Amino acid sequence: MPYSEFELGLKKEVAERLSGLGLPPAEHCIVVSIDQQKLWHFNGVTCHCYVVSTARAGVGCVQDSHQTPEGLHEVCELIGAGASAGMVFKARQPTGKLSAEWPQPDDNLITSRILWLSGLEAGLNLGTDVQGRAVDTRRRFVYIHGTNQVARLGTPNSHGCVLLSDPDVIQLFEAVRVGTPVLIRA
């Protein structure tokens, strides 16, 4: 099924941002809309839309802000291939426990898969900003990952990451590669 006009607009926005950085357009890309709490994965000629949760603290790129960073990023690392759905990760390592077995079930856990993001725009989400503040998405450990708090998807609920249900993050993980562009827009 061809892209809708809205989806074509998102894809064009990614192409323009990539071009502005001297990078080629990408057939495969991800767009996260903070205001809509949705993620679109463009995979050649198809597009999948997922409900997500971004940061409770809003939009921002500064270190320790607990905000979701905007701008153009890329998937720099894929972590968790083959892990069980619901596997809890700490420091990017599987704990051996599923979220249903976790002792503090109210914790907002990192589950199933991790797509680690790295900023591509110096001064916005890479390195430091003009005021010398750290704004580096990768060093902030911002991920797209699974969550045990599925009932809260569609509303801001993270500490800066982009959260998906376990089945959705596994599906996305299997479809992307390192280097996939990710545009996060307010």
C-alpha atoms as a PDB file:
ATOM      1  CA  MET A   1       0.000   0.000   0.000  1.00  0.00           C
ATOM      2  CA  PRO A   2       1.466   3.398  -0.951  1.00  0.00           C
ATOM      3  CA  TYR A   3       2.309   5.981   1.683  1.00  0.00           C
ATOM      4  CA  SER A   4      -0.357   8.459   2.736  1.00  0.00           C
ATOM      5  CA  GLU A   5       0.284  12.154   2.094  1.00  0.00           C
ATOM      6  CA  PHE A   6       1.124  12.579   5.787  1.00  0.00           C
ATOM      7  CA  GLU A   7       3.626   9.715   5.652  1.00  0.00           C
ATOM      8  CA  LEU A   8       5.166  11.112   2.450  1.00  0.00           C
ATOM      9  CA  GLY A   9       5.617  14.408   4.303  1.00  0.00           C
ATOM     10  CA  LEU A  10       7.423  12.650   7.156  1.00  0.00           C
ATOM     11  CA  LYS A  11       9.683  10.802   4.722  1.00  0.00           C
ATOM     12  CA  LYS A  12      10.439  14.079   2.913  1.00  0.00           C
ATOM     13  CA  GLU A  13      11.314  15.733   6.229  1.00  0.00           C
ATOM     14  CA  VAL A  14      13.858  12.979   6.957  1.00  0.00           C
ATOM     15  CA  ALA A  15      15.349  13.342   3.445  1.00  0.00           C
ATOM     16  CA  GLU A  16      15.693  17.114   3.888  1.00  0.00           C
ATOM     17  CA  ARG A  17      17.354  16.747   7.303  1.00  0.00           C
ATOM     18  CA  LEU A  18      19.773  14.142   5.924  1.00  0.00           C
ATOM     19  CA  SER A  19      20.556  16.345   2.925  1.00  0.00           C
ATOM     20  CA  GLY A  20      21.219  19.284   5.252  1.00  0.00           C
ATOM     21  CA  LEU A  21      23.950  17.192   6.877  1.00  0.00           C
ATOM     22  CA  GLY A  22      25.372  16.114   3.515  1.00  0.00           C
ATOM     23  CA  LEU A  23      23.988  12.587   3.913  1.00  0.00           C
ATOM     24  CA  PRO A  24      22.140  10.620   1.214  1.00  0.00           C
ATOM     25  CA  PRO A  25      18.394   9.947   1.451  1.00  0.00           C
ATOM     26  CA  ALA A  26      17.350   6.724   3.164  1.00  0.00           C
ATOM     27  CA  GLU A  27      14.676   4.269   2.066  1.00  0.00           C
ATOM     28  CA  HIS A  28      14.595   2.835   5.573  1.00  0.00           C
ATOM     29  CA  CYS A  29      14.068   5.336   8.376  1.00  0.00           C
ATOM     30  CA  ILE A  30      12.168   5.973  11.597  1.00  0.00           C
ATOM     31  CA  VAL A  31      10.192   9.064  12.622  1.00  0.00           C
ATOM     32  CA  VAL A  32       9.081   9.644  16.212  1.00  0.00           C
ATOM     33  CA  SER A  33       6.426  12.279  16.881  1.00  0.00           C
ATOM     34  CA  ILE A  34       6.510  13.467  20.478  1.00  0.00           C
ATOM     35  CA  ASP A  35       3.240  15.394  20.223  1.00  0.00           C
ATOM     36  CA  GLN A  36       1.409  12.401  18.712  1.00  0.00           C
ATOM     37  CA  GLN A  37       3.233   9.732  20.785  1.00  0.00           C
ATOM     38  CA  LYS A  38       3.732   7.656  17.642  1.00  0.00           C
ATOM     39  CA  LEU A  39       6.599   6.098  15.728  1.00  0.00           C
ATOM     40  CA  TRP A  40       6.598   5.386  11.998  1.00  0.00           C
ATOM     41  CA  HIS A  41       9.016   2.888  10.498  1.00  0.00           C
ATOM     42  CA  PHE A  42       9.520   3.306   6.759  1.00  0.00           C
ATOM     43  CA  ASN A  43      10.821   0.066   5.285  1.00  0.00           C
ATOM     44  CA  GLY A  44      11.214   0.597   1.538  1.00  0.00           C
ATOM     45  CA  VAL A  45       7.627   0.956   0.316  1.00  0.00           C
ATOM     46  CA  THR A  46       5.784   0.010   3.513  1.00  0.00           C
ATOM     47  CA  CYS A  47       5.209   1.961   6.680  1.00  0.00           C
ATOM     48  CA  HIS A  48       4.353   0.631  10.130  1.00  0.00           C
ATOM     49  CA  CYS A  49       2.995   2.931  12.819  1.00  0.00           C
ATOM     50  CA  TYR A  50       3.416   2.198  16.534  1.00  0.00           C
ATOM     51  CA  VAL A  51       2.120   3.858  19.696  1.00  0.00           C
ATOM     52  CA  VAL A  52       4.984   4.995  21.954  1.00  0.00           C
ATOM     53  CA  SER A  53       5.735   6.881  25.130  1.00  0.00           C
ATOM     54  CA  THR A  54       8.360   9.600  25.239  1.00  0.00           C
ATOM     55  CA  ALA A  55       9.651  11.598  28.209  1.00  0.00           C
ATOM     56  CA  ARG A  56       7.435  12.834  31.032  1.00  0.00           C
ATOM     57  CA  ALA A  57       9.758  15.861  31.243  1.00  0.00           C
ATOM     58  CA  GLY A  58       9.118  16.860  27.617  1.00  0.00           C
ATOM     59  CA  VAL A  59      11.533  17.643  24.820  1.00  0.00           C
ATOM     60  CA  GLY A  60      15.198  18.498  25.273  1.00  0.00           C
ATOM     61  CA  CYS A  61      18.718  17.374  24.573  1.00  0.00           C
ATOM     62  CA  VAL A  62      20.645  18.448  27.682  1.00  0.00           C
ATOM     63  CA  GLN A  63      22.397  15.797  29.778  1.00  0.00           C
ATOM     64  CA  ASP A  64      20.441  14.728  32.903  1.00  0.00           C
ATOM     65  CA  SER A  65      17.267  16.530  31.730  1.00  0.00           C
ATOM     66  CA  HIS A  66      15.293  13.259  31.431  1.00  0.00           C
ATOM     67  CA  GLN A  67      13.821  14.720  28.245  1.00  0.00           C
ATOM     68  CA  THR A  68      13.481  13.108  24.825  1.00  0.00           C
ATOM     69  CA  PRO A  69      16.046  14.599  22.430  1.00  0.00           C
ATOM     70  CA  GLU A  70      14.797  16.039  19.178  1.00  0.00           C
ATOM     71  CA  GLY A  71      16.487  16.103  15.814  1.00  0.00           C
ATOM     72  CA  LEU A  72      18.133  13.618  13.527  1.00  0.00           C
ATOM     73  CA  HIS A  73      19.727  10.511  15.030  1.00  0.00           C
ATOM     74  CA  GLU A  74      20.781   7.086  13.866  1.00  0.00           C
ATOM     75  CA  VAL A  75      20.552   3.631  15.356  1.00  0.00           C
ATOM     76  CA  CYS A  76      24.147   3.071  16.513  1.00  0.00           C
ATOM     77  CA  GLU A  77      23.715  -0.282  18.239  1.00  0.00           C
ATOM     78  CA  LEU A  78      21.143  -3.088  18.360  1.00  0.00           C
ATOM     79  CA  ILE A  79      21.072  -4.977  21.658  1.00  0.00           C
ATOM     80  CA  GLY A  80      19.086  -8.035  22.720  1.00  0.00           C
ATOM     81  CA  ALA A  81      18.827 -10.209  19.609  1.00  0.00           C
ATOM     82  CA  GLY A  82      17.270 -13.516  20.594  1.00  0.00           C
ATOM     83  CA  ALA A  83      16.289 -12.437  24.119  1.00  0.00           C
ATOM     84  CA  SER A  84      12.899 -13.574  25.376  1.00  0.00           C
ATOM     85  CA  ALA A  85      10.033 -11.117  25.081  1.00  0.00           C
ATOM     86  CA  GLY A  86       9.865  -9.232  28.371  1.00  0.00           C
ATOM     87  CA  MET A  87      13.541  -9.842  29.279  1.00  0.00           C
ATOM     88  CA  VAL A  88      14.696  -7.050  31.590  1.00  0.00           C
ATOM     89  CA  PHE A  89      17.962  -5.291  30.727  1.00  0.00           C
ATOM     90  CA  LYS A  90      20.219  -3.387  33.133  1.00  0.00           C
ATOM     91  CA  ALA A  91      23.237  -1.525  31.750  1.00  0.00           C
ATOM     92  CA  ARG A  92      22.351  -3.071  28.365  1.00  0.00           C
ATOM     93  CA  GLN A  93      22.801  -6.603  29.715  1.00  0.00           C
ATOM     94  CA  PRO A  94      19.989  -9.176  30.097  1.00  0.00           C
ATOM     95  CA  THR A  95      19.254  -9.798  33.775  1.00  0.00           C
ATOM     96  CA  GLY A  96      17.873 -13.290  33.255  1.00  0.00           C
ATOM     97  CA  LYS A  97      14.478 -12.168  34.601  1.00  0.00           C
ATOM     98  CA  LEU A  98      11.326 -11.314  32.708  1.00  0.00           C
ATOM     99  CA  SER A  99       9.382  -8.178  33.598  1.00  0.00           C
ATOM    100  CA  ALA A 100       6.578 -10.322  35.097  1.00  0.00           C
ATOM    101  CA  GLU A 101       9.148 -11.726  37.573  1.00  0.00           C
ATOM    102  CA  TRP A 102      10.629  -8.345  38.487  1.00  0.00           C
ATOM    103  CA  PRO A 103      10.538  -7.575  42.252  1.00  0.00           C
ATOM    104  CA  GLN A 104       9.413  -3.950  41.770  1.00  0.00           C
ATOM    105  CA  PRO A 105       6.660  -4.238  39.141  1.00  0.00           C
ATOM    106  CA  ASP A 106       6.038  -0.480  39.147  1.00  0.00           C
ATOM    107  CA  ASP A 107       9.539   0.244  37.816  1.00  0.00           C
ATOM    108  CA  ASN A 108       9.611   1.487  34.221  1.00  0.00           C
ATOM    109  CA  LEU A 109      11.854  -1.273  32.894  1.00  0.00           C
ATOM    110  CA  ILE A 110      13.967  -1.660  29.762  1.00  0.00           C
ATOM    111  CA  THR A 111      12.610  -4.838  28.183  1.00  0.00           C
ATOM    112  CA  SER A 112      13.024  -7.138  25.163  1.00  0.00           C
ATOM    113  CA  ARG A 113      15.226  -5.097  22.789  1.00  0.00           C
ATOM    114  CA  ILE A 114      17.310  -1.908  22.731  1.00  0.00           C
ATOM    115  CA  LEU A 115      17.918   0.326  19.731  1.00  0.00           C
ATOM    116  CA  TRP A 116      20.608   2.709  21.007  1.00  0.00           C
ATOM    117  CA  LEU A 117      20.471   6.155  19.411  1.00  0.00           C
ATOM    118  CA  SER A 118      23.303   8.494  18.501  1.00  0.00           C
ATOM    119  CA  GLY A 119      22.700  12.131  17.571  1.00  0.00           C
ATOM    120  CA  LEU A 120      23.798  13.383  14.165  1.00  0.00           C
ATOM    121  CA  GLU A 121      23.392  17.140  14.665  1.00  0.00           C
ATOM    122  CA  ALA A 122      26.376  18.786  16.353  1.00  0.00           C
ATOM    123  CA  GLY A 123      25.293  21.254  19.019  1.00  0.00           C
ATOM    124  CA  LEU A 124      21.733  19.889  19.120  1.00  0.00           C
ATOM    125  CA  ASN A 125      22.033  16.188  19.980  1.00  0.00           C
ATOM    126  CA  LEU A 126      25.731  15.527  19.447  1.00  0.00           C
ATOM    127  CA  GLY A 127      28.573  16.887  21.575  1.00  0.00           C
ATOM    128  CA  THR A 128      27.867  20.160  23.378  1.00  0.00           C
ATOM    129  CA  ASP A 129      25.553  23.080  22.650  1.00  0.00           C
ATOM    130  CA  VAL A 130      26.589  26.748  22.233  1.00  0.00           C
ATOM    131  CA  GLN A 131      26.425  27.196  26.017  1.00  0.00           C
ATOM    132  CA  GLY A 132      28.834  24.294  26.545  1.00  0.00           C
ATOM    133  CA  ARG A 133      26.194  21.922  27.944  1.00  0.00           C
ATOM    134  CA  ALA A 134      26.431  18.222  27.083  1.00  0.00           C
ATOM    135  CA  VAL A 135      23.695  17.321  24.578  1.00  0.00           C
ATOM    136  CA  ASP A 136      25.006  14.003  23.283  1.00  0.00           C
ATOM    137  CA  THR A 137      22.175  11.486  22.800  1.00  0.00           C
ATOM    138  CA  ARG A 138      24.450   8.438  22.820  1.00  0.00           C
ATOM    139  CA  ARG A 139      26.213   9.506  26.027  1.00  0.00           C
ATOM    140  CA  ARG A 140      22.793  10.142  27.569  1.00  0.00           C
ATOM    141  CA  PHE A 141      21.950   6.467  26.873  1.00  0.00           C
ATOM    142  CA  VAL A 142      18.764   7.299  24.976  1.00  0.00           C
ATOM    143  CA  TYR A 143      17.170   4.204  23.458  1.00  0.00           C
ATOM    144  CA  ILE A 144      14.113   2.933  21.689  1.00  0.00           C
ATOM    145  CA  HIS A 145      13.172  -0.025  23.900  1.00  0.00           C
ATOM    146  CA  GLY A 146      10.414  -2.226  25.239  1.00  0.00           C
ATOM    147  CA  THR A 147       8.526  -1.410  28.415  1.00  0.00           C
ATOM    148  CA  ASN A 148       6.545  -3.252  31.043  1.00  0.00           C
ATOM    149  CA  GLN A 149       4.173  -0.266  31.321  1.00  0.00           C
ATOM    150  CA  VAL A 150       2.182  -0.959  28.167  1.00  0.00           C
ATOM    151  CA  ALA A 151      -1.009   0.579  29.578  1.00  0.00           C
ATOM    152  CA  ARG A 152       0.747   3.972  29.602  1.00  0.00           C
ATOM    153  CA  LEU A 153       1.786   3.888  25.944  1.00  0.00           C
ATOM    154  CA  GLY A 154       0.348   6.865  24.092  1.00  0.00           C
ATOM    155  CA  THR A 155       1.201   9.234  26.953  1.00  0.00           C
ATOM    156  CA  PRO A 156       4.592  10.610  28.048  1.00  0.00           C
ATOM    157  CA  ASN A 157       6.049   8.133  30.547  1.00  0.00           C
ATOM    158  CA  SER A 158       9.790   7.696  30.022  1.00  0.00           C
ATOM    159  CA  HIS A 159      12.977   9.255  31.393  1.00  0.00           C
ATOM    160  CA  GLY A 160      13.988  10.336  27.864  1.00  0.00           C
ATOM    161  CA  CYS A 161      13.773   7.120  25.865  1.00  0.00           C
ATOM    162  CA  VAL A 162      11.135   6.075  23.327  1.00  0.00           C
ATOM    163  CA  LEU A 163       9.098   3.174  24.743  1.00  0.00           C
ATOM    164  CA  LEU A 164       7.183   0.508  22.814  1.00  0.00           C
ATOM    165  CA  SER A 165       5.354  -2.674  23.713  1.00  0.00           C
ATOM    166  CA  ASP A 166       7.508  -5.804  23.701  1.00  0.00           C
ATOM    167  CA  PRO A 167       5.972  -7.234  20.481  1.00  0.00           C
ATOM    168  CA  ASP A 168       6.347  -3.878  18.707  1.00  0.00           C
ATOM    169  CA  VAL A 169       9.981  -3.306  19.721  1.00  0.00           C
ATOM    170  CA  ILE A 170      10.877  -6.867  18.685  1.00  0.00           C
ATOM    171  CA  GLN A 171       9.216  -6.344  15.285  1.00  0.00           C
ATOM    172  CA  LEU A 172      11.006  -3.007  14.823  1.00  0.00           C
ATOM    173  CA  PHE A 173      14.342  -4.450  15.988  1.00  0.00           C
ATOM    174  CA  GLU A 174      14.123  -7.240  13.398  1.00  0.00           C
ATOM    175  CA  ALA A 175      13.417  -4.760  10.599  1.00  0.00           C
ATOM    176  CA  VAL A 176      16.141  -2.129  11.160  1.00  0.00           C
ATOM    177  CA  ARG A 177      19.900  -2.093  10.880  1.00  0.00           C
ATOM    178  CA  VAL A 178      22.669  -0.084  12.496  1.00  0.00           C
ATOM    179  CA  GLY A 179      22.809   3.271  10.703  1.00  0.00           C
ATOM    180  CA  THR A 180      19.041   3.586  10.229  1.00  0.00           C
ATOM    181  CA  PRO A 181      18.161   7.303  10.480  1.00  0.00           C
ATOM    182  CA  VAL A 182      15.761   8.290  13.269  1.00  0.00           C
ATOM    183  CA  LEU A 183      14.083  11.703  13.254  1.00  0.00           C
ATOM    184  CA  ILE A 184      12.579  12.735  16.578  1.00  0.00           C
ATOM    185  CA  ARG A 185      10.261  15.693  16.166  1.00  0.00           C
ATOM    186  CA  ALA A 186       8.193  17.650  18.649  1.00  0.00           C
END
